[in-house]
Structures are given as C-alpha cells and as structure tokens.
C-alpha cells in the first residue's frame, strides 16, 4: 500500500475495493479484509488518512506532502 501511496494513488479517496484492485495491478493478491486491516494500521500510525460518509465504509486518502 505504501508503494501505491508513493505513486499518488491516494490523492483521491479510495475504498477497500479500489485498493485491492490497485494492489492487483502491481501483482499482489489480497482480500478486502486484509486491506482493511492494513489501512487501519497505516491510519493509526499516521501514514494514511481516512474518512467515512455516513454508515458507508472508510475511504483512505493522503493529501499531505
């Protein structure tokens, strides 16, 4: 996920499915629950930001540079 971040993937808000697809394009196979767990960890460490719209799932992004 950090490679995607470095490439600007998270300049727009991305859901878990988007991230799974982004990782797949790099040759990595992960399930959505694995991506959600990694996103939570990166958020807690201040390496990704996240937002939630109502009761929907989290969207991850990075607008700091």
Protein backbone atom coordinates (compact mmCIF):
# COMPACT_ATOMS: atom_id res chain seq x y z
CA UNK A 1 0.00 0.00 0.00
CA UNK A 2 2.91 2.32 0.62
CA UNK A 3 4.08 1.91 -2.98
CA UNK A 4 0.62 2.95 -4.14
CA UNK A 5 0.80 5.95 -1.81
CA UNK A 6 4.21 6.96 -3.17
CA UNK A 7 2.81 6.80 -6.71
CA UNK A 8 -0.05 9.16 -5.82
CA UNK A 9 -2.79 6.51 -5.73
CA UNK A 10 -4.30 8.00 -2.57
CA UNK A 11 -4.54 11.59 -3.86
CA UNK A 12 -8.22 10.76 -4.31
CA UNK A 13 -10.30 8.89 -1.77
CA UNK A 14 -10.10 5.13 -2.28
CA UNK A 15 -12.29 2.38 -0.90
CA UNK A 16 -11.12 -1.10 0.00
CA UNK A 17 -12.14 -2.49 -3.40
CA UNK A 18 -10.15 0.23 -5.17
CA UNK A 19 -7.09 -0.62 -3.09
CA UNK A 20 -7.46 -4.37 -3.76
CA UNK A 21 -7.54 -3.53 -7.49
CA UNK A 22 -4.55 -1.21 -7.22
CA UNK A 23 -2.53 -3.88 -5.46
CA UNK A 24 -3.62 -6.48 -8.03
CA UNK A 25 -2.29 -4.25 -10.81
CA UNK A 26 1.09 -4.47 -9.07
CA UNK A 27 0.88 -8.29 -8.85
CA UNK A 28 -0.24 -8.52 -5.21
CA UNK A 29 -3.27 -10.61 -4.29
CA UNK A 30 -5.04 -9.54 -1.12
CA UNK A 31 -8.56 -9.92 0.23
CA UNK A 32 -10.58 -6.91 1.26
CA UNK A 33 -10.33 -7.81 4.96
CA UNK A 34 -6.53 -7.85 4.69
CA UNK A 35 -6.53 -4.44 3.01
CA UNK A 36 -8.92 -3.05 5.64
CA UNK A 37 -6.64 -4.28 8.44
CA UNK A 38 -3.58 -2.75 6.77
CA UNK A 39 -5.46 0.51 6.18
CA UNK A 40 -6.41 0.66 9.86
CA UNK A 41 -2.79 0.11 10.88
CA UNK A 42 -1.47 2.77 8.50
CA UNK A 43 -4.12 5.21 9.71
CA UNK A 44 -3.19 4.63 13.36
CA UNK A 45 0.47 5.25 12.52
CA UNK A 46 -0.35 8.49 10.70
CA UNK A 47 0.70 7.15 7.31
CA UNK A 48 -2.75 7.36 5.67
CA UNK A 49 -5.81 9.47 6.31
CA UNK A 50 -9.35 8.17 6.24
CA UNK A 51 -12.89 9.45 6.15
CA UNK A 52 -16.34 7.96 6.37
CA UNK A 53 -19.54 9.17 4.74
CA UNK A 54 -22.47 8.19 6.96
CA UNK A 55 -22.66 4.45 7.54
CA UNK A 56 -20.57 3.60 4.50
CA UNK A 57 -17.10 2.05 4.60
CA UNK A 58 -13.94 4.02 5.22
CA UNK A 59 -12.23 5.75 2.32
CA UNK A 60 -8.47 6.15 2.54
CA UNK A 61 -6.53 9.09 1.14
CA UNK A 62 -3.39 11.17 1.55
CA UNK A 63 -3.50 14.90 0.83
CA UNK A 64 -0.36 15.90 2.71
CA UNK A 65 3.06 16.28 1.15
